Amino acid sequence: MNGKTVPLVLSIAVSLHCSNAVETVTVARPFSPSVPSYNAKQSVASSFELLGGYRLQSDFASEGLALIRDADGFVVQAMAGANAQTSSVHLYDISTRFGAGRDVSAYPILVPIRTWTVSELFPRLLARQNLRDLSVSTTASGYDVLGIGRVYYNTSPRAFSQINVREIRSGGTVLGATREIAVDLPEQEFSGFIKHDDGQLDVKEIGAGAYDSGQGSVAGLSYATQRSDGSWQRVLAPPMFGDLTSPRLPRDSGYSCTDPPSWVCIPPVGDKGVWSTERIGGGGVRYGNNLLFIPMLGYGERNYGKQSYTFGDAAKDQAVAYFFRTNSVTGKMEFQSFDRWVHASAGEPVLGVALGRIRGLPDLLLFVVKSMAWKAGAYQDGSVLQVFRINGA
């Protein structure tokens, strides 16, 4: 807020996301959003060492990332998910050595070796859902591709969702059986997988959250686990759309609200910002007791009229790492800290994350897809798949 005082009594907006305006119902009451405190800041620069990467050649930047392993557990292929424009899933061979360092122009260009339409892979994806994240688990005859979706603009969100499973036979040329795993949690709140070093565990943990257009959005990051009876238990539960008073994640204060507090924007409180319409692509990763998400945060003046990704200045949006950790005493997942994801420039969204190992490198690796990183055609819309060593993992 640039040193400006935040009023204590403001119009609290329960807003309808319409095509042309924000309808505000004003309630005069003290405004004091609850922002949890966090422990010592974890540094992205010291936690993740960039080794290099690949340039992905596809029609548009794609959301979601899955890794396919060989019989020894080493990553040999990658699947980049589909966005609303392409509605396709691309398979890449990443057995070629990645280009080293930060210079994206030195990364090898990977052309898809196979492309499926989303409807071909997941014919029973819930109506109106777009595929948002992917995971892969190996089977005796090939591998299962897992997909989870979300409705982009949703004024009447369903109270349930599903994980879609499709078997791919060895060689990637034959589609096997398809099935669905019921998720008794809202479709908008959970639309990504929590990735593990062992892909067999991915189907048991889901999450993502954050804002997506419509009233099923949530103001934070979500995480849930599957119980032994097949039901799902929330572990991280962010406030639902329109709830301005429940505890929200903190963020930095590099933005301002031009309108009264609403689902679009909540002014910084003191020197702490407050989550509102932050975004996330794909899901998160879990290594040891650590859980990591890399959402996209809005900056500059934020208001509904901007109609941008975060309702802020699109060129200033930044990827930020959010760290959670399992408390060794209570067993609960707790927020730890956030830090700027220094490996993406302003305006470069992170669209997918996964964990894996590459033959010849002994360490656990973090794979990250980010978009808007190179000129793939007429526009700066090409994605890159970057590889990081996780220090201390």
Protein backbone atom coordinates (compact mmCIF):
# COMPACT_ATOMS: atom_id res chain seq x y z
CA MET A 1 0.00 0.00 0.00
CA ASN A 2 3.09 2.25 -0.24
CA GLY A 3 2.78 3.33 3.37
CA LYS A 4 -0.91 4.22 3.17
CA THR A 5 -3.13 3.38 6.11
CA VAL A 6 -5.63 0.59 5.55
CA PRO A 7 -9.07 1.63 6.88
CA LEU A 8 -10.50 -0.52 9.64
CA VAL A 9 -14.07 -0.32 8.36
CA LEU A 10 -14.54 -1.09 4.69
CA SER A 11 -17.19 -2.44 2.37
CA ILE A 12 -17.03 -6.24 2.51
CA ALA A 13 -17.96 -7.53 -0.92
CA VAL A 14 -19.76 -10.75 -1.66
CA SER A 15 -19.30 -10.39 -5.39
CA LEU A 16 -20.82 -12.06 -8.43
CA HIS A 17 -18.34 -12.77 -11.21
CA CYS A 18 -20.22 -11.37 -14.19
CA SER A 19 -18.95 -10.62 -17.65
CA ASN A 20 -19.13 -6.85 -17.30
CA ALA A 21 -19.12 -5.81 -13.66
CA VAL A 22 -18.58 -6.68 -10.04
CA GLU A 23 -21.79 -6.61 -8.02
CA THR A 24 -21.00 -5.68 -4.43
CA VAL A 25 -23.14 -6.26 -1.38
CA THR A 26 -21.86 -3.90 1.31
CA VAL A 27 -21.71 -4.94 4.95
CA ALA A 28 -20.35 -2.37 7.42
CA ARG A 29 -18.10 -4.22 9.82
CA PRO A 30 -14.44 -4.20 10.83
CA PHE A 31 -12.16 -5.63 8.17
CA SER A 32 -9.24 -7.61 9.55
CA PRO A 33 -8.33 -10.65 7.44
CA SER A 34 -6.39 -13.29 9.31
CA VAL A 35 -2.95 -13.99 7.86
CA PRO A 36 -0.99 -16.88 9.43
CA SER A 37 2.57 -16.30 10.56
CA TYR A 38 5.41 -18.39 9.15
CA ASN A 39 8.75 -19.76 10.23
CA ALA A 40 12.24 -18.89 9.01
CA LYS A 41 12.21 -18.14 5.29
CA GLN A 42 13.32 -20.96 3.01
CA SER A 43 15.46 -19.80 0.11
CA VAL A 44 14.70 -20.89 -3.44
CA ALA A 45 18.24 -20.04 -4.54
CA SER A 46 19.79 -22.35 -1.94
CA SER A 47 17.19 -25.12 -2.24
CA PHE A 48 17.07 -25.60 -6.03
CA GLU A 49 20.04 -25.66 -8.38
CA LEU A 50 19.16 -25.20 -12.05
CA LEU A 51 20.96 -27.82 -14.15
CA GLY A 52 19.42 -27.01 -17.52
CA GLY A 53 16.43 -27.87 -19.65
CA TYR A 54 14.60 -28.43 -22.91
CA ARG A 55 12.43 -26.28 -25.15
CA LEU A 56 9.03 -27.87 -25.79
CA GLN A 57 7.61 -27.54 -29.27
CA SER A 58 3.80 -27.51 -29.17
CA ASP A 59 0.96 -25.31 -30.39
CA PHE A 60 0.47 -23.37 -27.16
CA ALA A 61 1.85 -23.33 -23.65
CA SER A 62 0.49 -26.43 -21.95
CA GLU A 63 -0.59 -26.95 -18.37
CA GLY A 64 0.31 -29.98 -16.26
CA LEU A 65 3.36 -32.27 -16.26
CA ALA A 66 3.89 -36.01 -15.86
CA LEU A 67 7.05 -38.10 -16.06
CA ILE A 68 7.34 -41.63 -17.45
CA ARG A 69 10.04 -43.89 -16.00
CA ASP A 70 11.84 -46.91 -17.35
CA ALA A 71 12.08 -50.27 -15.55
CA ASP A 72 14.91 -48.92 -13.39
CA GLY A 73 12.95 -45.86 -12.29
CA PHE A 74 14.74 -43.26 -14.42
CA VAL A 75 12.77 -40.61 -16.33
CA VAL A 76 12.75 -41.26 -20.10
CA GLN A 77 9.68 -39.39 -21.32
CA ALA A 78 7.54 -36.44 -20.29
CA MET A 79 3.90 -35.58 -20.89
CA ALA A 80 2.81 -31.95 -21.06
CA GLY A 81 -0.87 -31.38 -20.42
CA ALA A 82 -3.42 -29.49 -22.41
CA ASN A 83 -4.79 -25.99 -22.09
CA ALA A 84 -8.23 -24.86 -23.19
CA GLN A 85 -7.03 -23.85 -26.66
CA THR A 86 -5.27 -27.06 -27.72
CA SER A 87 -7.18 -29.76 -25.79
CA SER A 88 -4.32 -32.16 -26.46
CA VAL A 89 -1.58 -33.95 -24.53
CA HIS A 90 1.95 -34.15 -25.89
CA LEU A 91 4.48 -36.93 -25.27
CA TYR A 92 8.18 -36.02 -25.41
CA ASP A 93 11.31 -38.15 -25.45
CA ILE A 94 13.73 -36.64 -22.96
CA SER A 95 16.42 -39.31 -23.19
CA THR A 96 18.48 -36.68 -25.03
CA ARG A 97 20.74 -34.80 -22.64
CA PHE A 98 19.22 -31.48 -21.58
CA GLY A 99 20.93 -28.23 -22.41
CA ALA A 100 22.97 -26.97 -19.48
CA GLY A 101 22.63 -23.68 -17.66
CA ARG A 102 20.21 -20.76 -17.87
CA ASP A 103 20.45 -19.88 -21.57
CA VAL A 104 17.12 -21.07 -22.98
CA SER A 105 18.37 -20.61 -26.55
CA ALA A 106 20.93 -23.37 -25.87
CA TYR A 107 18.26 -25.88 -24.81
CA PRO A 108 17.44 -28.60 -27.39
CA ILE A 109 13.98 -28.33 -28.96
CA LEU A 110 11.79 -31.36 -28.32
CA VAL A 111 9.08 -32.10 -30.88
CA PRO A 112 6.25 -34.32 -29.57
CA ILE A 113 6.67 -37.97 -30.49
CA ARG A 114 2.98 -38.57 -29.89
CA THR A 115 -0.07 -36.35 -29.34
CA TRP A 116 -3.48 -37.38 -28.01
CA THR A 117 -6.61 -35.29 -27.76
CA VAL A 118 -7.97 -34.97 -24.24
CA SER A 119 -11.22 -36.63 -25.32
CA GLU A 120 -9.24 -39.55 -26.69
CA LEU A 121 -7.38 -40.08 -23.43
CA PHE A 122 -10.23 -39.26 -21.05
CA PRO A 123 -13.62 -39.70 -22.77
CA ARG A 124 -15.44 -39.46 -19.44
CA LEU A 125 -13.86 -36.25 -18.16
CA LEU A 126 -16.62 -34.44 -16.29
CA ALA A 127 -18.75 -32.17 -18.47
CA ARG A 128 -17.22 -28.71 -19.11
CA GLN A 129 -13.96 -29.59 -17.34
CA ASN A 130 -10.60 -28.76 -18.87
CA LEU A 131 -7.69 -31.06 -18.10
CA ARG A 132 -5.48 -29.31 -15.54
CA ASP A 133 -2.83 -31.79 -14.42
CA LEU A 134 -1.36 -35.19 -15.24
CA SER A 135 0.49 -37.96 -13.47
CA VAL A 136 1.79 -41.39 -14.51
CA SER A 137 2.09 -44.70 -12.65
CA THR A 138 3.65 -47.80 -14.18
CA THR A 139 1.74 -51.05 -14.76
CA ALA A 140 2.76 -54.56 -15.84
CA SER A 141 1.92 -53.83 -19.49
CA GLY A 142 2.76 -50.12 -19.72
CA TYR A 143 1.56 -47.23 -17.60
CA ASP A 144 -1.57 -45.49 -16.35
CA VAL A 145 -2.04 -41.82 -17.19
CA LEU A 146 -3.95 -39.95 -14.51
CA GLY A 147 -5.78 -36.74 -15.33
CA ILE A 148 -7.72 -34.29 -13.19
CA GLY A 149 -9.75 -31.34 -14.41
CA ARG A 150 -11.41 -28.07 -13.54
CA VAL A 151 -14.06 -25.84 -15.11
CA TYR A 152 -12.57 -22.53 -16.22
CA TYR A 153 -15.66 -20.39 -15.61
CA ASN A 154 -17.93 -21.99 -13.07
CA THR A 155 -20.86 -20.25 -11.40
CA SER A 156 -22.36 -23.52 -10.10
CA PRO A 157 -19.43 -25.72 -9.06
CA ARG A 158 -20.00 -29.39 -8.37
CA ALA A 159 -19.37 -30.68 -4.85
CA PHE A 160 -17.39 -33.60 -6.27
CA SER A 161 -14.79 -34.37 -8.89
CA GLN A 162 -12.88 -37.38 -10.22
CA ILE A 163 -9.47 -38.63 -11.20
CA ASN A 164 -9.53 -40.01 -14.72
CA VAL A 165 -7.31 -43.04 -15.43
CA ARG A 166 -6.29 -44.34 -18.85
CA GLU A 167 -3.95 -47.24 -19.48
CA ILE A 168 -1.31 -46.82 -22.19
CA ARG A 169 0.28 -50.02 -23.45
CA SER A 170 4.04 -50.27 -23.93
CA GLY A 171 5.13 -48.23 -26.95
CA GLY A 172 2.39 -45.65 -26.40
CA THR A 173 0.35 -46.74 -29.42
CA VAL A 174 -2.58 -48.65 -27.88
CA LEU A 175 -5.13 -47.21 -25.48
CA GLY A 176 -6.24 -49.72 -22.86
CA ALA A 177 -8.96 -49.51 -20.25
CA THR A 178 -10.38 -46.28 -18.83
CA ARG A 179 -11.76 -45.83 -15.32
CA GLU A 180 -12.52 -43.07 -12.84
CA ILE A 181 -11.66 -42.58 -9.16
CA ALA A 182 -14.32 -40.64 -7.25
CA VAL A 183 -13.24 -37.52 -5.35
CA ASP A 184 -15.80 -36.35 -2.78
CA LEU A 185 -14.37 -32.81 -2.71
CA PRO A 186 -15.24 -29.74 -4.85
CA GLU A 187 -13.91 -29.88 -8.41
CA GLN A 188 -12.57 -26.32 -8.34
CA GLU A 189 -10.69 -26.64 -5.07
CA PHE A 190 -8.74 -29.73 -6.13
CA SER A 191 -7.44 -29.86 -9.70
CA GLY A 192 -3.82 -30.98 -9.46
CA PHE A 193 -1.74 -33.91 -8.26
CA ILE A 194 0.87 -33.89 -5.52
CA LYS A 195 3.85 -35.51 -7.25
CA HIS A 196 6.28 -37.89 -5.54
CA ASP A 197 9.55 -39.57 -6.43
CA ASP A 198 7.45 -42.75 -6.63
CA GLY A 199 4.62 -42.04 -9.09
CA GLN A 200 2.51 -44.79 -7.55
CA LEU A 201 1.77 -42.42 -4.66
CA ASP A 202 0.49 -39.55 -6.82
CA VAL A 203 -3.03 -40.96 -7.08
CA LYS A 204 -3.39 -40.75 -3.27
CA GLU A 205 -2.70 -37.02 -2.88
CA ILE A 206 -4.27 -34.11 -4.76
CA GLY A 207 -4.20 -30.34 -4.42
CA ALA A 208 -3.82 -26.98 -6.11
CA GLY A 209 -6.62 -24.55 -5.24
CA ALA A 210 -5.99 -20.86 -5.92
CA TYR A 211 -8.16 -18.70 -8.13
CA ASP A 212 -9.85 -19.76 -11.33
CA SER A 213 -12.67 -17.87 -12.92
CA GLY A 214 -16.01 -18.49 -11.23
CA GLN A 215 -17.52 -18.87 -7.80
CA GLY A 216 -15.90 -22.23 -7.08
CA SER A 217 -12.50 -20.56 -6.72
CA VAL A 218 -10.57 -20.61 -3.47
CA ALA A 219 -8.19 -18.07 -1.96
CA GLY A 220 -5.16 -20.22 -1.28
CA LEU A 221 -3.48 -23.56 -1.88
CA SER A 222 -5.20 -26.88 -1.23
CA TYR A 223 -4.06 -30.40 -0.33
CA ALA A 224 -6.01 -33.59 0.37
CA THR A 225 -5.19 -37.26 0.90
CA GLN A 226 -7.19 -40.39 0.15
CA ARG A 227 -8.22 -42.54 3.12
CA SER A 228 -8.10 -46.35 3.08
CA ASP A 229 -11.87 -46.47 2.46
CA GLY A 230 -11.52 -44.37 -0.71
CA SER A 231 -12.86 -41.10 0.75
CA TRP A 232 -10.79 -37.93 0.78
CA GLN A 233 -9.61 -35.79 3.70
CA ARG A 234 -8.71 -32.12 3.42
CA VAL A 235 -5.31 -31.24 4.87
CA LEU A 236 -5.00 -27.67 3.58
CA ALA A 237 -8.34 -25.90 3.23
CA PRO A 238 -8.23 -22.33 1.85
CA PRO A 239 -11.22 -19.97 2.12
CA MET A 240 -13.92 -20.46 -0.48
CA PHE A 241 -15.08 -17.81 -2.94
CA GLY A 242 -16.58 -14.76 -1.19
CA ASP A 243 -15.13 -15.58 2.25
CA LEU A 244 -13.00 -12.54 3.11
CA THR A 245 -12.39 -13.16 6.81
CA SER A 246 -11.09 -16.73 7.18
CA PRO A 247 -7.30 -17.16 7.45
CA ARG A 248 -5.45 -16.70 4.18
CA LEU A 249 -1.89 -17.27 3.09
CA PRO A 250 0.44 -14.27 3.32
CA ARG A 251 2.32 -12.86 0.38
CA ASP A 252 4.46 -9.80 -0.24
CA SER A 253 2.82 -6.38 -0.44
CA GLY A 254 3.90 -5.38 -3.96
CA TYR A 255 0.40 -4.57 -5.18
CA SER A 256 -2.49 -2.25 -4.47
CA CYS A 257 -6.28 -2.50 -4.65
CA THR A 258 -8.12 0.23 -6.52
CA ASP A 259 -11.52 -1.02 -5.31
CA PRO A 260 -12.82 -1.88 -1.82
CA PRO A 261 -11.87 -5.34 -0.53
CA SER A 262 -13.55 -8.13 -2.48
CA TRP A 263 -12.70 -11.52 -3.93
CA VAL A 264 -10.66 -9.64 -6.55
CA CYS A 265 -8.24 -7.93 -4.18
CA ILE A 266 -7.64 -7.50 -0.44
CA PRO A 267 -5.31 -4.63 0.49
CA PRO A 268 -2.03 -5.41 2.26
CA VAL A 269 -2.28 -5.36 6.04
CA GLY A 270 0.75 -3.55 7.36
CA ASP A 271 3.68 -4.90 5.36
CA LYS A 272 1.97 -8.20 4.51
CA GLY A 273 -0.05 -8.87 1.42
CA VAL A 274 -3.13 -11.11 1.42
CA TRP A 275 -4.03 -13.82 -1.11
CA SER A 276 -6.97 -13.13 -3.42
CA THR A 277 -6.87 -14.02 -7.13
CA GLU A 278 -3.46 -15.69 -7.23
CA ARG A 279 -3.21 -18.54 -9.75
CA ILE A 280 -1.55 -21.93 -10.01
CA GLY A 281 -0.77 -24.25 -12.91
CA GLY A 282 -0.71 -27.98 -12.28
CA GLY A 283 -0.26 -29.19 -8.70
CA GLY A 284 2.63 -29.52 -6.26
CA VAL A 285 5.49 -31.82 -5.30
CA ARG A 286 6.27 -33.61 -2.04
CA TYR A 287 9.80 -34.65 -1.10
CA GLY A 288 10.51 -35.89 2.42
CA ASN A 289 8.43 -33.79 4.80
CA ASN A 290 8.34 -30.90 2.33
CA LEU A 291 5.45 -29.81 0.12
CA LEU A 292 6.10 -27.24 -2.61
CA PHE A 293 3.74 -25.22 -4.83
CA ILE A 294 4.78 -22.54 -7.35
CA PRO A 295 1.76 -20.27 -7.97
CA MET A 296 1.63 -17.04 -9.96
CA LEU A 297 1.06 -13.86 -7.94
CA GLY A 298 -0.40 -10.58 -9.21
CA TYR A 299 1.40 -7.23 -8.92
CA GLY A 300 0.78 -3.55 -9.55
CA GLU A 301 -2.76 -2.16 -9.40
CA ARG A 302 -5.28 -4.97 -9.19
CA ASN A 303 -8.91 -4.53 -10.14
CA TYR A 304 -11.66 -6.35 -12.00
CA GLY A 305 -11.47 -4.05 -14.99
CA LYS A 306 -8.03 -5.33 -15.98
CA GLN A 307 -9.46 -8.77 -16.93
CA SER A 308 -5.95 -10.25 -16.77
CA TYR A 309 -4.65 -13.54 -15.38
CA THR A 310 -4.51 -12.19 -11.81
CA PHE A 311 -6.47 -8.93 -12.30
CA GLY A 312 -3.10 -7.20 -11.99
CA ASP A 313 -0.50 -5.96 -14.46
CA ALA A 314 0.14 -9.09 -16.53
CA ALA A 315 3.74 -8.22 -17.35
CA LYS A 316 4.49 -7.96 -13.62
CA ASP A 317 3.01 -11.31 -12.53
CA GLN A 318 5.62 -13.42 -10.77
CA ALA A 319 6.01 -17.07 -9.83
CA VAL A 320 6.52 -17.55 -6.08
CA ALA A 321 7.45 -20.76 -4.24
CA TYR A 322 5.29 -21.72 -1.25
CA PHE A 323 6.76 -24.21 1.21
CA PHE A 324 4.82 -26.42 3.62
CA ARG A 325 6.16 -29.08 5.96
CA THR A 326 4.76 -31.97 7.96
CA ASN A 327 5.12 -31.33 11.70
CA SER A 328 7.07 -34.30 13.08
CA VAL A 329 5.18 -34.12 16.39
CA THR A 330 1.57 -33.47 15.34
CA GLY A 331 1.73 -34.96 11.85
CA LYS A 332 -0.07 -31.89 10.47
CA MET A 333 0.94 -30.09 7.30
CA GLU A 334 1.99 -26.55 8.20
CA PHE A 335 2.80 -23.49 6.12
CA GLN A 336 6.48 -22.59 6.38
CA SER A 337 7.38 -19.68 4.10
CA PHE A 338 7.32 -18.23 0.61
CA ASP A 339 10.09 -17.00 -1.64
CA ARG A 340 10.33 -15.59 -5.16
CA TRP A 341 10.84 -18.33 -7.77
CA VAL A 342 13.96 -16.70 -9.21
CA HIS A 343 14.13 -19.16 -12.11
CA ALA A 344 11.21 -17.51 -13.95
CA SER A 345 11.09 -13.92 -15.18
CA ALA A 346 8.10 -11.66 -14.66
CA GLY A 347 5.25 -12.80 -16.88
CA GLU A 348 6.54 -16.42 -17.13
CA PRO A 349 3.97 -18.69 -15.43
CA VAL A 350 4.92 -22.06 -13.98
CA LEU A 351 2.46 -24.55 -15.49
CA GLY A 352 3.53 -27.91 -14.08
CA VAL A 353 5.87 -29.62 -11.63
CA ALA A 354 7.04 -33.21 -11.07
CA LEU A 355 9.81 -35.22 -9.40
CA GLY A 356 12.11 -37.81 -10.94
CA ARG A 357 15.63 -39.10 -11.52
CA ILE A 358 17.83 -39.16 -14.60
CA ARG A 359 20.37 -41.90 -15.27
CA GLY A 360 23.88 -40.73 -14.46
CA LEU A 361 22.69 -38.17 -11.88
CA PRO A 362 22.37 -39.56 -8.36
CA ASP A 363 20.12 -36.82 -6.95
CA LEU A 364 16.37 -36.41 -6.78
CA LEU A 365 15.40 -33.82 -9.40
CA LEU A 366 12.61 -31.28 -9.69
CA PHE A 367 11.15 -30.83 -13.20
CA VAL A 368 9.33 -27.56 -13.89
CA VAL A 369 7.44 -26.44 -17.00
CA LYS A 370 7.17 -22.68 -17.47
CA SER A 371 5.65 -20.85 -20.42
CA MET A 372 6.24 -17.58 -22.31
CA ALA A 373 9.96 -18.40 -22.22
CA TRP A 374 10.95 -18.46 -25.91
CA LYS A 375 9.62 -17.48 -29.34
CA ALA A 376 8.24 -20.78 -30.60
CA GLY A 377 6.48 -19.23 -33.59
CA ALA A 378 5.04 -15.80 -34.09
CA TYR A 379 4.84 -15.14 -30.35
CA GLN A 380 6.87 -15.52 -27.18
CA ASP A 381 4.67 -18.41 -26.08
CA GLY A 382 7.04 -21.37 -26.06
CA SER A 383 7.36 -23.53 -22.95
CA VAL A 384 10.54 -24.91 -21.40
CA LEU A 385 11.03 -27.96 -19.21
CA GLN A 386 13.73 -27.14 -16.67
CA VAL A 387 15.59 -29.59 -14.44
CA PHE A 388 16.70 -28.73 -10.90
CA ARG A 389 18.74 -30.52 -8.30
CA ILE A 390 16.99 -30.41 -4.90
CA ASN A 391 19.67 -29.62 -2.36
CA GLY A 392 19.32 -31.65 0.82
CA ALA A 393 16.56 -33.93 -0.56
